[in-house]
């Protein structure tokens, strides 16, 4: 068994936890949408808001693709 297969087995074994992580990321996104209403482009906290949005979107995409891949892999077995 290769190292990649072992790593994928370990990650895909945590598929239930990925659902919880995705729920937390969605709630963080909703809180970010709330803060977008109060922070404007001229505010000092605006760059932090943009970085936060990029991080939340990036982690959501990463964990969504991971969950999709693990589900697809489980269905193939």
N, C-alpha and C. Protein backbone atom coordinates (compact mmCIF):
# COMPACT_ATOMS: atom_id res chain seq x y z
N UNK A 1 0.84 -1.17 0.00
CA UNK A 1 0.00 0.00 0.00
C UNK A 1 0.90 1.25 0.00
N UNK A 2 0.60 2.17 -0.88
CA UNK A 2 1.43 3.36 -0.99
C UNK A 2 1.08 4.37 0.10
N UNK A 3 1.96 5.34 0.26
CA UNK A 3 1.74 6.37 1.28
C UNK A 3 0.53 7.23 0.94
N UNK A 4 0.31 7.47 -0.35
CA UNK A 4 -0.84 8.28 -0.76
C UNK A 4 -2.15 7.58 -0.42
N UNK A 5 -2.23 6.30 -0.67
CA UNK A 5 -3.44 5.54 -0.35
C UNK A 5 -3.68 5.52 1.15
N UNK A 6 -2.62 5.37 1.92
CA UNK A 6 -2.75 5.38 3.38
C UNK A 6 -3.25 6.74 3.86
N UNK A 7 -2.71 7.81 3.30
CA UNK A 7 -3.14 9.16 3.67
C UNK A 7 -4.61 9.38 3.30
N UNK A 8 -5.00 8.94 2.11
CA UNK A 8 -6.40 9.09 1.71
C UNK A 8 -7.33 8.28 2.59
N UNK A 9 -6.89 7.10 3.00
CA UNK A 9 -7.70 6.29 3.92
C UNK A 9 -7.90 7.01 5.26
N UNK A 10 -6.84 7.64 5.76
CA UNK A 10 -6.93 8.36 7.04
C UNK A 10 -7.85 9.58 6.93
N UNK A 11 -7.72 10.31 5.83
CA UNK A 11 -8.55 11.51 5.65
C UNK A 11 -10.01 11.12 5.46
N UNK A 12 -10.25 10.12 4.62
CA UNK A 12 -11.64 9.73 4.33
C UNK A 12 -12.31 9.05 5.51
N UNK A 13 -11.54 8.55 6.44
CA UNK A 13 -12.14 7.97 7.65
C UNK A 13 -12.77 9.05 8.52
N UNK A 14 -12.41 10.29 8.30
CA UNK A 14 -12.94 11.42 9.08
C UNK A 14 -14.06 12.15 8.36
N UNK A 15 -14.79 11.45 7.50
CA UNK A 15 -15.81 12.10 6.67
C UNK A 15 -16.92 12.72 7.51
N UNK A 16 -17.30 12.13 8.61
CA UNK A 16 -18.35 12.72 9.47
C UNK A 16 -17.88 14.04 10.08
N UNK A 17 -16.59 14.12 10.42
CA UNK A 17 -16.06 15.36 10.98
C UNK A 17 -15.97 16.45 9.92
N UNK A 18 -15.81 16.05 8.67
CA UNK A 18 -15.76 17.04 7.59
C UNK A 18 -17.11 17.74 7.47
N UNK A 19 -18.20 17.02 7.70
CA UNK A 19 -19.52 17.64 7.68
C UNK A 19 -19.63 18.71 8.77
N UNK A 20 -19.11 18.44 9.94
CA UNK A 20 -19.15 19.42 11.04
C UNK A 20 -18.29 20.64 10.67
N UNK A 21 -17.13 20.38 10.11
CA UNK A 21 -16.25 21.48 9.70
C UNK A 21 -16.93 22.35 8.65
N UNK A 22 -17.59 21.72 7.68
CA UNK A 22 -18.31 22.49 6.66
C UNK A 22 -19.42 23.33 7.28
N UNK A 23 -20.12 22.79 8.26
CA UNK A 23 -21.17 23.57 8.94
C UNK A 23 -20.57 24.78 9.66
N UNK A 24 -19.43 24.59 10.30
CA UNK A 24 -18.76 25.71 10.96
C UNK A 24 -18.29 26.77 9.97
N UNK A 25 -17.79 26.32 8.83
CA UNK A 25 -17.32 27.27 7.81
C UNK A 25 -18.49 28.06 7.25
N UNK A 26 -19.63 27.40 7.04
CA UNK A 26 -20.82 28.11 6.55
C UNK A 26 -21.27 29.15 7.58
N UNK A 27 -21.25 28.80 8.86
CA UNK A 27 -21.64 29.78 9.87
C UNK A 27 -20.64 30.94 9.93
N UNK A 28 -19.36 30.66 9.75
CA UNK A 28 -18.38 31.75 9.70
C UNK A 28 -18.65 32.65 8.51
N UNK A 29 -19.05 32.05 7.39
CA UNK A 29 -19.39 32.84 6.21
C UNK A 29 -20.59 33.73 6.44
N UNK A 30 -21.58 33.22 7.17
CA UNK A 30 -22.75 34.04 7.48
C UNK A 30 -22.38 35.21 8.39
N UNK A 31 -21.50 34.96 9.36
CA UNK A 31 -21.05 36.06 10.21
C UNK A 31 -20.23 37.09 9.41
N UNK A 32 -19.47 36.61 8.42
CA UNK A 32 -18.74 37.54 7.58
C UNK A 32 -19.68 38.39 6.74
N UNK A 33 -20.76 37.79 6.25
CA UNK A 33 -21.74 38.57 5.50
C UNK A 33 -22.38 39.64 6.38
N UNK A 34 -22.58 39.32 7.63
CA UNK A 34 -23.12 40.30 8.56
C UNK A 34 -22.13 41.45 8.77
N UNK A 35 -20.84 41.14 8.86
CA UNK A 35 -19.86 42.20 9.08
C UNK A 35 -19.62 43.03 7.82
N UNK A 36 -19.92 42.46 6.64
CA UNK A 36 -19.78 43.24 5.40
C UNK A 36 -20.75 44.42 5.40
N UNK A 37 -21.88 44.26 6.07
CA UNK A 37 -22.85 45.35 6.13
C UNK A 37 -22.34 46.55 6.91
N UNK A 38 -21.42 46.32 7.84
CA UNK A 38 -20.97 47.40 8.72
C UNK A 38 -19.57 47.91 8.43
N UNK A 39 -18.82 47.20 7.59
CA UNK A 39 -17.45 47.61 7.27
C UNK A 39 -17.41 48.09 5.83
N UNK A 40 -16.92 49.30 5.64
CA UNK A 40 -16.82 49.86 4.31
C UNK A 40 -15.39 49.83 3.80
N UNK A 41 -15.22 50.10 2.50
CA UNK A 41 -13.88 50.07 1.92
C UNK A 41 -12.89 51.07 2.53
N UNK A 42 -13.36 52.11 3.15
CA UNK A 42 -12.46 53.09 3.74
C UNK A 42 -12.04 52.80 5.17
N UNK A 43 -12.64 51.81 5.79
CA UNK A 43 -12.34 51.49 7.18
C UNK A 43 -11.00 50.79 7.31
N UNK A 44 -10.41 50.90 8.51
CA UNK A 44 -9.12 50.26 8.76
C UNK A 44 -9.24 48.74 8.80
N UNK A 45 -10.39 48.22 9.15
CA UNK A 45 -10.56 46.77 9.25
C UNK A 45 -10.95 46.12 7.92
N UNK A 46 -11.09 46.90 6.87
CA UNK A 46 -11.50 46.35 5.59
C UNK A 46 -10.50 45.32 5.02
N UNK A 47 -9.18 45.58 5.08
CA UNK A 47 -8.26 44.55 4.57
C UNK A 47 -8.35 43.22 5.34
N UNK A 48 -8.59 43.29 6.63
CA UNK A 48 -8.76 42.07 7.42
C UNK A 48 -10.02 41.34 6.98
N UNK A 49 -11.07 42.07 6.69
CA UNK A 49 -12.31 41.47 6.21
C UNK A 49 -12.10 40.75 4.88
N UNK A 50 -11.35 41.37 3.98
CA UNK A 50 -11.08 40.76 2.68
C UNK A 50 -10.25 39.48 2.86
N UNK A 51 -9.24 39.53 3.71
CA UNK A 51 -8.41 38.35 3.97
C UNK A 51 -9.26 37.24 4.59
N UNK A 52 -10.14 37.61 5.50
CA UNK A 52 -11.04 36.64 6.13
C UNK A 52 -11.96 35.98 5.10
N UNK A 53 -12.50 36.77 4.20
CA UNK A 53 -13.38 36.22 3.16
C UNK A 53 -12.61 35.25 2.27
N UNK A 54 -11.40 35.59 1.90
CA UNK A 54 -10.57 34.71 1.07
C UNK A 54 -10.29 33.40 1.81
N UNK A 55 -9.96 33.48 3.09
CA UNK A 55 -9.67 32.28 3.87
C UNK A 55 -10.91 31.39 4.03
N UNK A 56 -12.05 31.99 4.29
CA UNK A 56 -13.28 31.20 4.47
C UNK A 56 -13.68 30.53 3.16
N UNK A 57 -13.60 31.25 2.06
CA UNK A 57 -13.94 30.66 0.76
C UNK A 57 -12.95 29.55 0.40
N UNK A 58 -11.66 29.79 0.66
CA UNK A 58 -10.64 28.78 0.36
C UNK A 58 -10.82 27.51 1.17
N UNK A 59 -11.08 27.65 2.47
CA UNK A 59 -11.28 26.46 3.30
C UNK A 59 -12.58 25.74 2.94
N UNK A 60 -13.61 26.51 2.58
CA UNK A 60 -14.86 25.88 2.17
C UNK A 60 -14.66 25.05 0.90
N UNK A 61 -13.94 25.59 -0.05
CA UNK A 61 -13.67 24.85 -1.29
C UNK A 61 -12.83 23.61 -1.00
N UNK A 62 -11.80 23.75 -0.17
CA UNK A 62 -10.93 22.61 0.14
C UNK A 62 -11.71 21.48 0.81
N UNK A 63 -12.48 21.80 1.85
CA UNK A 63 -13.20 20.75 2.56
C UNK A 63 -14.38 20.21 1.75
N UNK A 64 -14.98 21.03 0.88
CA UNK A 64 -16.05 20.52 0.02
C UNK A 64 -15.51 19.52 -0.99
N UNK A 65 -14.39 19.84 -1.60
CA UNK A 65 -13.77 18.92 -2.56
C UNK A 65 -13.31 17.66 -1.85
N UNK A 66 -12.75 17.80 -0.66
CA UNK A 66 -12.32 16.63 0.11
C UNK A 66 -13.51 15.74 0.45
N UNK A 67 -14.61 16.33 0.89
CA UNK A 67 -15.79 15.55 1.22
C UNK A 67 -16.37 14.87 -0.02
N UNK A 68 -16.42 15.59 -1.13
CA UNK A 68 -16.92 15.02 -2.37
C UNK A 68 -16.04 13.84 -2.82
N UNK A 69 -14.73 14.02 -2.75
CA UNK A 69 -13.81 12.96 -3.17
C UNK A 69 -13.96 11.73 -2.27
N UNK A 70 -14.06 11.93 -0.98
CA UNK A 70 -14.19 10.80 -0.06
C UNK A 70 -15.52 10.08 -0.25
N UNK A 71 -16.58 10.83 -0.52
CA UNK A 71 -17.88 10.21 -0.78
C UNK A 71 -17.84 9.41 -2.07
N UNK A 72 -17.24 9.98 -3.10
CA UNK A 72 -17.11 9.29 -4.37
C UNK A 72 -16.26 8.03 -4.22
N UNK A 73 -15.20 8.15 -3.45
CA UNK A 73 -14.31 7.00 -3.22
C UNK A 73 -15.02 5.90 -2.44
N UNK A 74 -15.84 6.28 -1.47
CA UNK A 74 -16.59 5.29 -0.69
C UNK A 74 -17.65 4.60 -1.55
N UNK A 75 -18.23 5.31 -2.49
CA UNK A 75 -19.24 4.71 -3.36
C UNK A 75 -18.60 3.75 -4.37
N UNK A 76 -17.36 4.01 -4.76
CA UNK A 76 -16.67 3.15 -5.71
C UNK A 76 -16.25 1.83 -5.07
N UNK A 77 -16.03 1.85 -3.77
CA UNK A 77 -15.57 0.62 -3.09
C UNK A 77 -16.68 -0.33 -2.85
